Structures are given as structure tokens and as C-alpha cells.
Amino acid sequence: MTATRITMTRHIKEERLDRLTYIAMNVGFGNVVLEQTRGSDGKRDCLTDTGVLLVKDIVNEVLITAYVIDINKATAMYKNCGFQSVPQSMKRVIIRNEKKHLKQQNIARY
């Protein structure tokens, strides 16, 4: 991932900084491989190739939150985007993250 200037909400800078730092140091942000715009709440979920979900505000183009995704959320996201299942390569990344990072991260998602 190339360096990009990202505007973040106060929520992620103050309340989720520990999680953001953990992801940056241990997982990486990667490149977006799947995007899903939510119904009417003005948010876009962006799944990266490292298994991190970035939640952005569409109107203001700011990052609201980020977390290591679990297989259930990934499956739902892929199905909502018209896929039958999560690709095997992404499944491997997510399962590895679940074993290694979700337990160690132990940081609330919301």
C-alpha cells in the first residue's frame, strides 16, 4: 500500500487509536479488494487483502473505524456483493488473522 493522506474521525483518532496502531504494527492495511456501500447510513465498508475492514463516511470521505474482520462478517459482505462465497485466498488470510490477531488484539470493535 502506498502512503496516502487519510482524514480520520475523532472516534478513531481518540477512542480507537490502540486498535489502529495494533493493525498498523501487526497486520497491515493492505489494498482494498471489496467495497460495499451500506443502505442509507452513508457508510462504505472496504475490505483489504490483509483482512482488515475499513469503514468510511461516503459524504465526508473520512475513516470512521478499522478492525480485523472475522469470517462471518466477511462471508456476509461477499454475499451482499453478489458472490457465492469468500475466495479461498481471503479465507486463509482471515482464518490466520482470527487465530493470531483477534485474540491478541482483544480490543472492542465498536
Protein backbone atom coordinates (compact mmCIF):
# COMPACT_ATOMS: atom_id res chain seq x y z
CA MET A 1 0.00 0.00 0.00
CA THR A 2 1.37 3.37 -0.92
CA ALA A 3 1.30 6.18 1.59
CA THR A 4 -1.91 8.13 1.34
CA ARG A 5 -3.19 11.04 3.35
CA ILE A 6 -6.28 9.88 5.22
CA THR A 7 -8.68 12.05 7.16
CA MET A 8 -9.97 10.32 10.30
CA THR A 9 -12.83 10.98 12.67
CA ARG A 10 -12.23 11.91 16.29
CA HIS A 11 -13.67 8.50 17.19
CA ILE A 12 -10.86 6.58 15.51
CA LYS A 13 -8.11 9.02 16.50
CA GLU A 14 -9.05 9.08 20.17
CA GLU A 15 -11.21 6.08 21.02
CA ARG A 16 -9.76 3.51 18.60
CA LEU A 17 -6.14 4.61 18.34
CA ASP A 18 -4.96 1.47 20.17
CA ARG A 19 -6.68 -0.76 17.59
CA LEU A 20 -5.44 1.32 14.67
CA THR A 21 -1.89 1.14 15.98
CA TYR A 22 -2.17 -2.61 16.53
CA ILE A 23 -3.34 -3.11 12.93
CA ALA A 24 -0.59 -0.90 11.54
CA MET A 25 2.15 -2.68 13.52
CA ASN A 26 0.94 -6.29 13.30
CA VAL A 27 -1.45 -6.85 10.39
CA GLY A 28 -1.02 -4.04 7.87
CA PHE A 29 -3.74 -2.20 5.99
CA GLY A 30 -3.13 -3.67 2.53
CA ASN A 31 -5.12 -2.79 -0.57
CA VAL A 32 -8.90 -2.67 -0.91
CA VAL A 33 -10.28 -5.78 -2.64
CA LEU A 34 -14.01 -5.41 -1.96
CA GLU A 35 -16.26 -2.42 -1.26
CA GLN A 36 -19.82 -2.36 -0.05
CA THR A 37 -21.93 0.74 0.34
CA ARG A 38 -24.42 0.42 3.15
CA GLY A 39 -28.08 1.23 2.60
CA SER A 40 -28.90 4.68 3.87
CA ASP A 41 -26.37 5.40 6.60
CA GLY A 42 -23.77 6.95 4.29
CA LYS A 43 -21.01 4.47 5.10
CA ARG A 44 -18.82 2.29 2.91
CA ASP A 45 -17.15 -0.91 4.11
CA CYS A 46 -13.80 -1.57 2.43
CA LEU A 47 -12.18 -4.99 2.89
CA THR A 48 -8.45 -5.14 2.31
CA ASP A 49 -6.26 -8.04 1.21
CA THR A 50 -4.86 -8.26 4.74
CA GLY A 51 -8.30 -8.97 6.21
CA VAL A 52 -8.87 -5.51 7.66
CA LEU A 53 -12.24 -3.80 7.31
CA LEU A 54 -12.11 -0.03 6.89
CA VAL A 55 -15.36 1.84 7.49
CA LYS A 56 -15.53 5.19 5.72
CA ASP A 57 -18.04 8.01 5.62
CA ILE A 58 -19.00 8.46 1.97
CA VAL A 59 -20.04 12.10 2.17
CA ASN A 60 -17.02 13.43 4.06
CA GLU A 61 -14.55 10.76 2.85
CA VAL A 62 -13.20 10.16 6.34
CA LEU A 63 -12.15 6.95 8.02
CA ILE A 64 -14.55 6.12 10.85
CA THR A 65 -13.07 2.88 12.14
CA ALA A 66 -10.98 -0.14 11.18
CA TYR A 67 -10.79 -3.66 12.54
CA VAL A 68 -9.60 -7.17 11.75
CA ILE A 69 -12.62 -8.85 10.15
CA ASP A 70 -13.90 -12.29 11.16
CA ILE A 71 -15.06 -14.97 8.73
CA ASN A 72 -18.77 -14.44 9.46
CA LYS A 73 -18.66 -10.73 8.63
CA ALA A 74 -16.54 -11.43 5.53
CA THR A 75 -18.97 -14.09 4.32
CA ALA A 76 -21.93 -11.73 4.74
CA MET A 77 -20.08 -8.95 2.96
CA TYR A 78 -19.13 -11.12 -0.02
CA LYS A 79 -22.71 -12.42 -0.31
CA ASN A 80 -24.10 -8.86 -0.16
CA CYS A 81 -21.77 -8.01 -3.05
CA GLY A 82 -23.12 -10.87 -5.16
CA PHE A 83 -20.50 -13.55 -4.56
CA GLN A 84 -21.39 -17.09 -3.51
CA SER A 85 -18.55 -17.32 -1.00
CA VAL A 86 -15.32 -15.82 0.24
CA PRO A 87 -12.39 -16.64 -2.08
CA GLN A 88 -10.03 -19.29 -0.66
CA SER A 89 -7.06 -16.90 -0.58
CA MET A 90 -9.06 -14.42 1.52
CA LYS A 91 -10.39 -17.21 3.75
CA ARG A 92 -6.82 -18.24 4.55
CA VAL A 93 -5.89 -14.67 5.49
CA ILE A 94 -8.99 -14.24 7.67
CA ILE A 95 -8.58 -17.57 9.45
CA ARG A 96 -4.90 -16.81 10.11
CA ASN A 97 -5.92 -13.41 11.49
CA GLU A 98 -8.62 -14.97 13.68
CA LYS A 99 -6.07 -17.33 15.23
CA LYS A 100 -3.26 -14.83 15.56
CA HIS A 101 -4.70 -11.34 15.90
CA LEU A 102 -8.30 -11.35 17.11
CA LYS A 103 -7.28 -12.99 20.39
CA GLN A 104 -4.17 -10.86 20.83
CA GLN A 105 -5.88 -7.69 19.74
CA ASN A 106 -8.66 -8.11 22.33
CA ILE A 107 -9.91 -4.64 21.52
CA ALA A 108 -13.61 -3.84 21.25
CA ARG A 109 -14.74 -3.34 17.67
CA TYR A 110 -17.29 -0.60 18.19
